[in-house]
Amino acid sequence: MAKSGSKKAAKTVGRYVEPHVRGRVTVKHEVSEDHSPYWFGWVLLDLMLFGVLVITLNYLQVLPGATSSWYLVLGLASLFGAFYLATRYR
C-alpha cells in the first residue's frame, strides 16, 4: 500500500478550492483607470442634444436652405457619435 504523506496536495478542482488557485481572482485596478474624465459625459450629452435639435429643426424647416438630407446626416452622425461615446463611458 502507498503511504499517505504528511503534506497535503493542493486541491485544483472541487467545491472548496481557493479562488486564487483556480485563477478566478480579479486584479484590482487603480481608481483613475476606471473612470472617464469629467468632461466626457458633457460631450456625450451635447452631441445627443445637438443631433436631436438639428433633426427637429430640419423637419420644421427652420434651418437655412429648407429641408435638406445633409442636415439629417449631420444629426444622425451626431447621435451615432453620442451612442458610441455612451458605450465607452465609465
Protein backbone atom coordinates (compact mmCIF):
# COMPACT_ATOMS: atom_id res chain seq x y z
CA MET A 1 0.00 0.00 0.00
CA ALA A 2 1.05 3.51 -0.60
CA LYS A 3 1.88 5.64 2.36
CA SER A 4 -0.05 8.83 2.80
CA GLY A 5 2.40 11.66 3.31
CA SER A 6 2.07 14.36 5.88
CA LYS A 7 1.98 17.03 3.17
CA LYS A 8 -1.41 17.56 1.64
CA ALA A 9 -1.53 18.12 -2.10
CA ALA A 10 -3.17 21.37 -3.22
CA LYS A 11 -6.66 20.84 -4.49
CA THR A 12 -7.24 22.13 -8.01
CA VAL A 13 -10.84 21.08 -8.59
CA GLY A 14 -13.87 20.64 -6.46
CA ARG A 15 -16.23 22.63 -4.31
CA TYR A 16 -13.86 24.15 -1.75
CA VAL A 17 -10.96 25.22 -3.94
CA GLU A 18 -9.38 28.59 -3.19
CA PRO A 19 -10.17 31.19 -5.88
CA HIS A 20 -6.53 32.16 -6.42
CA VAL A 21 -5.65 28.53 -7.09
CA ARG A 22 -8.22 28.35 -9.88
CA GLY A 23 -7.17 31.71 -11.30
CA ARG A 24 -10.54 33.33 -10.64
CA VAL A 25 -9.33 36.38 -8.77
CA THR A 26 -9.98 39.74 -10.45
CA VAL A 27 -6.99 42.04 -10.46
CA LYS A 28 -7.61 45.37 -8.72
CA HIS A 29 -7.22 48.48 -10.88
CA GLU A 30 -6.47 51.99 -9.79
CA VAL A 31 -9.49 54.26 -9.46
CA SER A 32 -8.17 56.69 -12.06
CA GLU A 33 -8.20 53.94 -14.70
CA ASP A 34 -11.84 53.03 -14.07
CA HIS A 35 -13.43 56.45 -14.55
CA SER A 36 -13.91 58.64 -17.59
CA PRO A 37 -12.81 62.27 -17.46
CA TYR A 38 -15.35 64.73 -16.07
CA TRP A 39 -15.97 66.33 -19.49
CA PHE A 40 -16.79 63.01 -21.18
CA GLY A 41 -20.41 62.96 -20.02
CA TRP A 42 -20.97 66.56 -21.07
CA VAL A 43 -19.66 65.91 -24.58
CA LEU A 44 -21.92 62.86 -24.80
CA LEU A 45 -25.00 64.88 -23.79
CA ASP A 46 -24.09 67.79 -26.05
CA LEU A 47 -23.76 65.53 -29.08
CA MET A 48 -27.07 63.87 -28.30
CA LEU A 49 -28.96 67.14 -27.85
CA PHE A 50 -27.32 68.67 -30.94
CA GLY A 51 -28.35 65.70 -33.08
CA VAL A 52 -31.97 65.79 -31.89
CA LEU A 53 -32.11 69.57 -32.31
CA VAL A 54 -30.73 69.52 -35.87
CA ILE A 55 -33.14 66.78 -36.97
CA THR A 56 -36.11 68.53 -35.34
CA LEU A 57 -35.26 71.94 -36.82
CA ASN A 58 -34.71 70.36 -40.23
CA TYR A 59 -38.22 68.95 -40.32
CA LEU A 60 -39.68 72.21 -39.01
CA GLN A 61 -37.93 73.95 -41.96
CA VAL A 62 -36.22 76.47 -39.67
CA LEU A 63 -32.65 75.85 -40.82
CA PRO A 64 -31.31 77.78 -43.85
CA GLY A 65 -31.85 76.04 -47.18
CA ALA A 66 -35.22 74.49 -46.20
CA THR A 67 -35.22 70.74 -45.60
CA SER A 68 -32.04 69.02 -46.64
CA SER A 69 -30.85 65.46 -46.36
CA TRP A 70 -27.45 66.77 -45.24
CA TYR A 71 -28.99 68.14 -42.06
CA LEU A 72 -30.42 64.69 -41.41
CA VAL A 73 -27.00 63.12 -41.99
CA LEU A 74 -25.39 65.65 -39.61
CA GLY A 75 -27.97 64.94 -36.90
CA LEU A 76 -27.71 61.17 -37.26
CA ALA A 77 -23.90 61.28 -37.25
CA SER A 78 -24.03 63.31 -34.05
CA LEU A 79 -26.41 60.81 -32.44
CA PHE A 80 -24.30 57.83 -33.50
CA GLY A 81 -21.21 59.55 -32.11
CA ALA A 82 -23.03 60.11 -28.82
CA PHE A 83 -24.11 56.47 -28.61
CA TYR A 84 -20.55 55.36 -29.35
CA LEU A 85 -19.27 57.53 -26.51
CA ALA A 86 -22.02 56.17 -24.26
CA THR A 87 -20.68 52.65 -24.71
CA ARG A 88 -17.22 53.85 -23.61
CA TYR A 89 -18.45 55.79 -20.56
CA ARG A 90 -17.38 54.51 -17.14
